[in-house]
């Protein structure tokens, strides 16, 4: 992701959403064109080391997802080891 973003390209990803306030989630988010953006520091956003900061280049919106909730990258399924 980092290499693609540094070269100005985009990638696709799918991740599960999580609502911390309600303690539930499960909805699947699909982003067809994303690019990494600079990560926040831990002092700014709690648990930022475990989050993925990206921009949906189709909408221009800045987004965040938990790294452990990623399920697909560029069409390749991901799993936790």
PDB file of N, CA and C in Angstrom:
ATOM      1  N   UNK A   1       0.827  -1.196   0.000  1.00  0.00           N
ATOM      2  CA  UNK A   1       0.000   0.000   0.000  1.00  0.00           C
ATOM      3  C   UNK A   1       0.867   1.253   0.000  1.00  0.00           C
ATOM      4  N   UNK A   2       1.882   1.217   0.840  1.00  0.00           N
ATOM      5  CA  UNK A   2       2.753   2.383   0.947  1.00  0.00           C
ATOM      6  C   UNK A   2       3.478   2.644  -0.366  1.00  0.00           C
ATOM      7  N   UNK A   3       4.015   1.588  -0.964  1.00  0.00           N
ATOM      8  CA  UNK A   3       4.754   1.740  -2.217  1.00  0.00           C
ATOM      9  C   UNK A   3       3.847   2.255  -3.335  1.00  0.00           C
ATOM     10  N   UNK A   4       2.657   1.703  -3.425  1.00  0.00           N
ATOM     11  CA  UNK A   4       1.697   2.141  -4.448  1.00  0.00           C
ATOM     12  C   UNK A   4       1.351   3.613  -4.245  1.00  0.00           C
ATOM     13  N   UNK A   5       1.089   3.998  -3.009  1.00  0.00           N
ATOM     14  CA  UNK A   5       0.715   5.382  -2.700  1.00  0.00           C
ATOM     15  C   UNK A   5       1.858   6.345  -2.984  1.00  0.00           C
ATOM     16  N   UNK A   6       3.082   5.943  -2.636  1.00  0.00           N
ATOM     17  CA  UNK A   6       4.241   6.818  -2.878  1.00  0.00           C
ATOM     18  C   UNK A   6       4.465   7.068  -4.359  1.00  0.00           C
ATOM     19  N   UNK A   7       4.074   6.108  -5.193  1.00  0.00           N
ATOM     20  CA  UNK A   7       4.219   6.248  -6.645  1.00  0.00           C
ATOM     21  C   UNK A   7       3.025   6.963  -7.276  1.00  0.00           C
ATOM     22  N   UNK A   8       2.055   7.384  -6.444  1.00  0.00           N
ATOM     23  CA  UNK A   8       0.896   8.105  -6.960  1.00  0.00           C
ATOM     24  C   UNK A   8      -0.238   7.220  -7.429  1.00  0.00           C
ATOM     25  N   UNK A   9      -0.106   5.913  -7.223  1.00  0.00           N
ATOM     26  CA  UNK A   9      -1.154   4.985  -7.644  1.00  0.00           C
ATOM     27  C   UNK A   9      -2.230   4.818  -6.584  1.00  0.00           C
ATOM     28  N   UNK A  10      -3.207   3.995  -6.913  1.00  0.00           N
ATOM     29  CA  UNK A  10      -4.286   3.683  -5.972  1.00  0.00           C
ATOM     30  C   UNK A  10      -4.419   2.172  -5.852  1.00  0.00           C
ATOM     31  N   UNK A  11      -5.101   1.741  -4.811  1.00  0.00           N
ATOM     32  CA  UNK A  11      -5.348   0.333  -4.567  1.00  0.00           C
ATOM     33  C   UNK A  11      -6.777   0.167  -4.079  1.00  0.00           C
ATOM     34  N   UNK A  12      -7.273  -1.055  -4.132  1.00  0.00           N
ATOM     35  CA  UNK A  12      -8.608  -1.324  -3.613  1.00  0.00           C
ATOM     36  C   UNK A  12      -8.476  -2.066  -2.288  1.00  0.00           C
ATOM     37  N   UNK A  13      -9.485  -1.895  -1.449  1.00  0.00           N
ATOM     38  CA  UNK A  13      -9.494  -2.613  -0.183  1.00  0.00           C
ATOM     39  C   UNK A  13     -10.916  -2.824   0.290  1.00  0.00           C
ATOM     40  N   UNK A  14     -11.069  -3.842   1.113  1.00  0.00           N
ATOM     41  CA  UNK A  14     -12.334  -4.105   1.790  1.00  0.00           C
ATOM     42  C   UNK A  14     -12.004  -4.266   3.267  1.00  0.00           C
ATOM     43  N   UNK A  15     -12.861  -3.699   4.105  1.00  0.00           N
ATOM     44  CA  UNK A  15     -12.664  -3.851   5.540  1.00  0.00           C
ATOM     45  C   UNK A  15     -14.001  -3.857   6.257  1.00  0.00           C
ATOM     46  N   UNK A  16     -14.001  -4.459   7.409  1.00  0.00           N
ATOM     47  CA  UNK A  16     -15.186  -4.455   8.261  1.00  0.00           C
ATOM     48  C   UNK A  16     -15.244  -3.138   9.008  1.00  0.00           C
ATOM     49  N   UNK A  17     -16.423  -2.623   9.193  1.00  0.00           N
ATOM     50  CA  UNK A  17     -16.614  -1.403   9.971  1.00  0.00           C
ATOM     51  C   UNK A  17     -16.783  -1.780  11.437  1.00  0.00           C
ATOM     52  N   UNK A  18     -16.444  -0.845  12.345  1.00  0.00           N
ATOM     53  CA  UNK A  18     -16.587  -1.080  13.778  1.00  0.00           C
ATOM     54  C   UNK A  18     -17.068   0.195  14.457  1.00  0.00           C
ATOM     55  N   UNK A  19     -18.136   0.089  15.209  1.00  0.00           N
ATOM     56  CA  UNK A  19     -18.689   1.214  15.958  1.00  0.00           C
ATOM     57  C   UNK A  19     -18.323   1.023  17.428  1.00  0.00           C
ATOM     58  N   UNK A  20     -17.317   1.745  17.899  1.00  0.00           N
ATOM     59  CA  UNK A  20     -16.848   1.590  19.281  1.00  0.00           C
ATOM     60  C   UNK A  20     -17.891   2.026  20.290  1.00  0.00           C
ATOM     61  N   UNK A  21     -18.689   3.015  19.964  1.00  0.00           N
ATOM     62  CA  UNK A  21     -19.694   3.499  20.908  1.00  0.00           C
ATOM     63  C   UNK A  21     -20.753   2.438  21.190  1.00  0.00           C
ATOM     64  N   UNK A  22     -21.164   1.732  20.162  1.00  0.00           N
ATOM     65  CA  UNK A  22     -22.174   0.690  20.333  1.00  0.00           C
ATOM     66  C   UNK A  22     -21.564  -0.686  20.545  1.00  0.00           C
ATOM     67  N   UNK A  23     -20.253  -0.798  20.308  1.00  0.00           N
ATOM     68  CA  UNK A  23     -19.580  -2.073  20.497  1.00  0.00           C
ATOM     69  C   UNK A  23     -19.992  -3.143  19.514  1.00  0.00           C
ATOM     70  N   UNK A  24     -20.318  -2.715  18.293  1.00  0.00           N
ATOM     71  CA  UNK A  24     -20.689  -3.692  17.276  1.00  0.00           C
ATOM     72  C   UNK A  24     -20.347  -3.189  15.887  1.00  0.00           C
ATOM     73  N   UNK A  25     -20.433  -4.054  14.964  1.00  0.00           N
ATOM     74  CA  UNK A  25     -20.103  -3.706  13.592  1.00  0.00           C
ATOM     75  C   UNK A  25     -20.410  -4.872  12.697  1.00  0.00           C
ATOM     76  N   UNK A  26     -19.575  -5.065  11.716  1.00  0.00           N
ATOM     77  CA  UNK A  26     -19.756  -6.174  10.807  1.00  0.00           C
ATOM     78  C   UNK A  26     -20.031  -5.768   9.382  1.00  0.00           C
ATOM     79  N   UNK A  27     -20.525  -4.544   9.147  1.00  0.00           N
ATOM     80  CA  UNK A  27     -20.771  -4.098   7.778  1.00  0.00           C
ATOM     81  C   UNK A  27     -19.447  -4.075   7.020  1.00  0.00           C
ATOM     82  N   UNK A  28     -19.501  -4.405   5.745  1.00  0.00           N
ATOM     83  CA  UNK A  28     -18.314  -4.442   4.906  1.00  0.00           C
ATOM     84  C   UNK A  28     -18.220  -3.158   4.089  1.00  0.00           C
ATOM     85  N   UNK A  29     -17.073  -2.508   4.161  1.00  0.00           N
ATOM     86  CA  UNK A  29     -16.823  -1.303   3.356  1.00  0.00           C
ATOM     87  C   UNK A  29     -15.919  -1.695   2.194  1.00  0.00           C
ATOM     88  N   UNK A  30     -16.271  -1.263   0.997  1.00  0.00           N
ATOM     89  CA  UNK A  30     -15.447  -1.530  -0.183  1.00  0.00           C
ATOM     90  C   UNK A  30     -15.000  -0.196  -0.768  1.00  0.00           C
ATOM     91  N   UNK A  31     -13.704  -0.042  -0.907  1.00  0.00           N
ATOM     92  CA  UNK A  31     -13.133   1.175  -1.490  1.00  0.00           C
ATOM     93  C   UNK A  31     -12.353   0.741  -2.724  1.00  0.00           C
ATOM     94  N   UNK A  32     -12.780   1.191  -3.892  1.00  0.00           N
ATOM     95  CA  UNK A  32     -12.145   0.720  -5.125  1.00  0.00           C
ATOM     96  C   UNK A  32     -10.879   1.497  -5.493  1.00  0.00           C
ATOM     97  N   UNK A  33     -10.753   2.732  -5.002  1.00  0.00           N
ATOM     98  CA  UNK A  33      -9.544   3.518  -5.294  1.00  0.00           C
ATOM     99  C   UNK A  33      -9.134   4.283  -4.038  1.00  0.00           C
ATOM    100  N   UNK A  34      -8.108   3.771  -3.365  1.00  0.00           N
ATOM    101  CA  UNK A  34      -7.636   4.393  -2.127  1.00  0.00           C
ATOM    102  C   UNK A  34      -6.152   4.713  -2.231  1.00  0.00           C
ATOM    103  N   UNK A  35      -5.729   5.648  -1.407  1.00  0.00           N
ATOM    104  CA  UNK A  35      -4.317   6.023  -1.321  1.00  0.00           C
ATOM    105  C   UNK A  35      -4.026   6.329   0.145  1.00  0.00           C
ATOM    106  N   UNK A  36      -2.907   5.814   0.656  1.00  0.00           N
ATOM    107  CA  UNK A  36      -2.547   6.094   2.038  1.00  0.00           C
ATOM    108  C   UNK A  36      -2.292   7.574   2.235  1.00  0.00           C
ATOM    109  N   UNK A  37      -2.583   8.054   3.426  1.00  0.00           N
ATOM    110  CA  UNK A  37      -2.271   9.426   3.814  1.00  0.00           C
ATOM    111  C   UNK A  37      -1.456   9.347   5.097  1.00  0.00           C
ATOM    112  N   UNK A  38      -0.822  10.423   5.502  1.00  0.00           N
ATOM    113  CA  UNK A  38       0.005  10.366   6.711  1.00  0.00           C
ATOM    114  C   UNK A  38      -0.810   9.916   7.932  1.00  0.00           C
ATOM    115  N   UNK A  39      -0.205   9.050   8.703  1.00  0.00           N
ATOM    116  CA  UNK A  39      -0.865   8.540   9.905  1.00  0.00           C
ATOM    117  C   UNK A  39      -0.808   9.584  11.012  1.00  0.00           C
ATOM    118  N   UNK A  40      -1.801   9.545  11.869  1.00  0.00           N
ATOM    119  CA  UNK A  40      -1.814  10.418  13.047  1.00  0.00           C
ATOM    120  C   UNK A  40      -0.875   9.849  14.095  1.00  0.00           C
ATOM    121  N   UNK A  41      -0.439  10.699  14.975  1.00  0.00           N
ATOM    122  CA  UNK A  41       0.404  10.262  16.087  1.00  0.00           C
ATOM    123  C   UNK A  41      -0.477   9.774  17.222  1.00  0.00           C
ATOM    124  N   UNK A  42       0.081   8.898  18.038  1.00  0.00           N
ATOM    125  CA  UNK A  42      -0.663   8.324  19.162  1.00  0.00           C
ATOM    126  C   UNK A  42      -1.188   9.415  20.095  1.00  0.00           C
ATOM    127  N   UNK A  43      -0.468  10.527  20.206  1.00  0.00           N
ATOM    128  CA  UNK A  43      -0.911  11.625  21.070  1.00  0.00           C
ATOM    129  C   UNK A  43      -2.162  12.311  20.507  1.00  0.00           C
ATOM    130  N   UNK A  44      -2.355  12.221  19.199  1.00  0.00           N
ATOM    131  CA  UNK A  44      -3.489  12.862  18.550  1.00  0.00           C
ATOM    132  C   UNK A  44      -4.729  11.972  18.526  1.00  0.00           C
ATOM    133  N   UNK A  45      -4.531  10.698  18.198  1.00  0.00           N
ATOM    134  CA  UNK A  45      -5.639   9.753  18.066  1.00  0.00           C
ATOM    135  C   UNK A  45      -5.268   8.461  18.779  1.00  0.00           C
ATOM    136  N   UNK A  46      -6.129   8.047  19.687  1.00  0.00           N
ATOM    137  CA  UNK A  46      -5.899   6.832  20.459  1.00  0.00           C
ATOM    138  C   UNK A  46      -5.786   5.614  19.539  1.00  0.00           C
ATOM    139  N   UNK A  47      -4.824   4.761  19.824  1.00  0.00           N
ATOM    140  CA  UNK A  47      -4.588   3.512  19.078  1.00  0.00           C
ATOM    141  C   UNK A  47      -4.256   3.742  17.603  1.00  0.00           C
ATOM    142  N   UNK A  48      -3.674   4.871  17.277  1.00  0.00           N
ATOM    143  CA  UNK A  48      -3.386   5.176  15.869  1.00  0.00           C
ATOM    144  C   UNK A  48      -2.409   4.180  15.242  1.00  0.00           C
ATOM    145  N   UNK A  49      -1.580   3.525  16.048  1.00  0.00           N
ATOM    146  CA  UNK A  49      -0.641   2.542  15.507  1.00  0.00           C
ATOM    147  C   UNK A  49      -1.350   1.344  14.896  1.00  0.00           C
ATOM    148  N   UNK A  50      -2.606   1.122  15.260  1.00  0.00           N
ATOM    149  CA  UNK A  50      -3.359  -0.030  14.783  1.00  0.00           C
ATOM    150  C   UNK A  50      -4.382   0.340  13.708  1.00  0.00           C
ATOM    151  N   UNK A  51      -4.308   1.566  13.243  1.00  0.00           N
ATOM    152  CA  UNK A  51      -5.278   2.052  12.253  1.00  0.00           C
ATOM    153  C   UNK A  51      -4.607   2.344  10.919  1.00  0.00           C
ATOM    154  N   UNK A  52      -5.391   2.263   9.873  1.00  0.00           N
ATOM    155  CA  UNK A  52      -4.935   2.573   8.528  1.00  0.00           C
ATOM    156  C   UNK A  52      -5.606   3.874   8.107  1.00  0.00           C
ATOM    157  N   UNK A  53      -4.810   4.865   7.790  1.00  0.00           N
ATOM    158  CA  UNK A  53      -5.314   6.177   7.377  1.00  0.00           C
ATOM    159  C   UNK A  53      -5.199   6.271   5.862  1.00  0.00           C
ATOM    160  N   UNK A  54      -6.328   6.456   5.192  1.00  0.00           N
ATOM    161  CA  UNK A  54      -6.317   6.491   3.736  1.00  0.00           C
ATOM    162  C   UNK A  54      -7.316   7.524   3.224  1.00  0.00           C
ATOM    163  N   UNK A  55      -7.199   7.830   1.949  1.00  0.00           N
ATOM    164  CA  UNK A  55      -8.142   8.711   1.267  1.00  0.00           C
ATOM    165  C   UNK A  55      -8.851   7.907   0.189  1.00  0.00           C
ATOM    166  N   UNK A  56     -10.154   7.992   0.159  1.00  0.00           N
ATOM    167  CA  UNK A  56     -10.938   7.419  -0.934  1.00  0.00           C
ATOM    168  C   UNK A  56     -10.815   8.426  -2.070  1.00  0.00           C
ATOM    169  N   UNK A  57     -10.035   8.099  -3.083  1.00  0.00           N
ATOM    170  CA  UNK A  57      -9.757   9.081  -4.134  1.00  0.00           C
ATOM    171  C   UNK A  57     -10.950   9.364  -5.029  1.00  0.00           C
ATOM    172  N   UNK A  58     -11.969   8.516  -5.007  1.00  0.00           N
ATOM    173  CA  UNK A  58     -13.170   8.792  -5.797  1.00  0.00           C
ATOM    174  C   UNK A  58     -14.026   9.878  -5.159  1.00  0.00           C
ATOM    175  N   UNK A  59     -14.037   9.901  -3.826  1.00  0.00           N
ATOM    176  CA  UNK A  59     -14.847  10.904  -3.123  1.00  0.00           C
ATOM    177  C   UNK A  59     -14.008  12.024  -2.527  1.00  0.00           C
ATOM    178  N   UNK A  60     -12.698  11.793  -2.385  1.00  0.00           N
ATOM    179  CA  UNK A  60     -11.824  12.769  -1.754  1.00  0.00           C
ATOM    180  C   UNK A  60     -11.917  12.761  -0.235  1.00  0.00           C
ATOM    181  N   UNK A  61     -12.666  11.827   0.333  1.00  0.00           N
ATOM    182  CA  UNK A  61     -12.860  11.787   1.776  1.00  0.00           C
ATOM    183  C   UNK A  61     -11.719  11.047   2.475  1.00  0.00           C
ATOM    184  N   UNK A  62     -11.269  11.632   3.588  1.00  0.00           N
ATOM    185  CA  UNK A  62     -10.268  10.989   4.432  1.00  0.00           C
ATOM    186  C   UNK A  62     -10.968   9.949   5.290  1.00  0.00           C
ATOM    187  N   UNK A  63     -10.413   8.741   5.333  1.00  0.00           N
ATOM    188  CA  UNK A  63     -11.027   7.633   6.060  1.00  0.00           C
ATOM    189  C   UNK A  63     -10.000   6.961   6.966  1.00  0.00           C
ATOM    190  N   UNK A  64     -10.525   6.190   7.917  1.00  0.00           N
ATOM    191  CA  UNK A  64      -9.694   5.422   8.835  1.00  0.00           C
ATOM    192  C   UNK A  64     -10.339   4.062   9.037  1.00  0.00           C
ATOM    193  N   UNK A  65      -9.526   3.015   9.094  1.00  0.00           N
ATOM    194  CA  UNK A  65     -10.042   1.697   9.458  1.00  0.00           C
ATOM    195  C   UNK A  65      -9.013   1.005  10.343  1.00  0.00           C
ATOM    196  N   UNK A  66      -9.497   0.053  11.124  1.00  0.00           N
ATOM    197  CA  UNK A  66      -8.605  -0.754  11.955  1.00  0.00           C
ATOM    198  C   UNK A  66      -7.864  -1.725  11.038  1.00  0.00           C
ATOM    199  N   UNK A  67      -6.546  -1.798  11.159  1.00  0.00           N
ATOM    200  CA  UNK A  67      -5.760  -2.695  10.313  1.00  0.00           C
ATOM    201  C   UNK A  67      -6.221  -4.142  10.433  1.00  0.00           C
ATOM    202  N   UNK A  68      -6.578  -4.568  11.637  1.00  0.00           N
ATOM    203  CA  UNK A  68      -6.981  -5.961  11.848  1.00  0.00           C
ATOM    204  C   UNK A  68      -8.327  -6.299  11.207  1.00  0.00           C
ATOM    205  N   UNK A  69      -9.072  -5.280  10.761  1.00  0.00           N
ATOM    206  CA  UNK A  69     -10.367  -5.520  10.125  1.00  0.00           C
ATOM    207  C   UNK A  69     -10.291  -5.506   8.597  1.00  0.00           C
ATOM    208  N   UNK A  70      -9.077  -5.395   8.037  1.00  0.00           N
ATOM    209  CA  UNK A  70      -8.908  -5.491   6.590  1.00  0.00           C
ATOM    210  C   UNK A  70      -9.178  -6.926   6.166  1.00  0.00           C
ATOM    211  N   UNK A  71      -9.972  -7.099   5.126  1.00  0.00           N
ATOM    212  CA  UNK A  71     -10.276  -8.444   4.639  1.00  0.00           C
ATOM    213  C   UNK A  71      -9.802  -8.677   3.205  1.00  0.00           C
ATOM    214  N   UNK A  72      -9.503  -7.601   2.479  1.00  0.00           N
ATOM    215  CA  UNK A  72      -9.065  -7.763   1.097  1.00  0.00           C
ATOM    216  C   UNK A  72      -8.218  -6.572   0.663  1.00  0.00           C
ATOM    217  N   UNK A  73      -7.171  -6.841  -0.110  1.00  0.00           N
ATOM    218  CA  UNK A  73      -6.302  -5.809  -0.678  1.00  0.00           C
ATOM    219  C   UNK A  73      -6.070  -6.148  -2.142  1.00  0.00           C
ATOM    220  N   UNK A  74      -6.448  -5.229  -3.041  1.00  0.00           N
ATOM    221  CA  UNK A  74      -6.294  -5.430  -4.491  1.00  0.00           C
ATOM    222  C   UNK A  74      -6.805  -6.804  -4.951  1.00  0.00           C
ATOM    223  N   UNK A  75      -7.950  -7.207  -4.419  1.00  0.00           N
ATOM    224  CA  UNK A  75      -8.565  -8.454  -4.836  1.00  0.00           C
ATOM    225  C   UNK A  75      -8.028  -9.702  -4.154  1.00  0.00           C
ATOM    226  N   UNK A  76      -7.044  -9.556  -3.271  1.00  0.00           N
ATOM    227  CA  UNK A  76      -6.464 -10.694  -2.562  1.00  0.00           C
ATOM    228  C   UNK A  76      -7.006 -10.742  -1.140  1.00  0.00           C
ATOM    229  N   UNK A  77      -7.572 -11.865  -0.762  1.00  0.00           N
ATOM    230  CA  UNK A  77      -8.116 -12.013   0.590  1.00  0.00           C
ATOM    231  C   UNK A  77      -6.983 -12.018   1.611  1.00  0.00           C
ATOM    232  N   UNK A  78      -7.246 -11.390   2.745  1.00  0.00           N
ATOM    233  CA  UNK A  78      -6.275 -11.309   3.831  1.00  0.00           C
ATOM    234  C   UNK A  78      -6.785 -12.102   5.035  1.00  0.00           C
ATOM    235  N   UNK A  79      -5.857 -12.602   5.825  1.00  0.00           N
ATOM    236  CA  UNK A  79      -6.237 -13.297   7.054  1.00  0.00           C
ATOM    237  C   UNK A  79      -5.202 -12.978   8.125  1.00  0.00           C
ATOM    238  N   UNK A  80      -5.643 -13.004   9.373  1.00  0.00           N
ATOM    239  CA  UNK A  80      -4.740 -12.783  10.483  1.00  0.00           C
ATOM    240  C   UNK A  80      -3.955 -14.047  10.763  1.00  0.00           C
ATOM    241  N   UNK A  81      -2.681 -13.885  11.080  1.00  0.00           N
ATOM    242  CA  UNK A  81      -1.839 -15.040  11.436  1.00  0.00           C
ATOM    243  C   UNK A  81      -1.543 -15.018  12.895  1.00  0.00           C
TER     244      UNK A  81
END
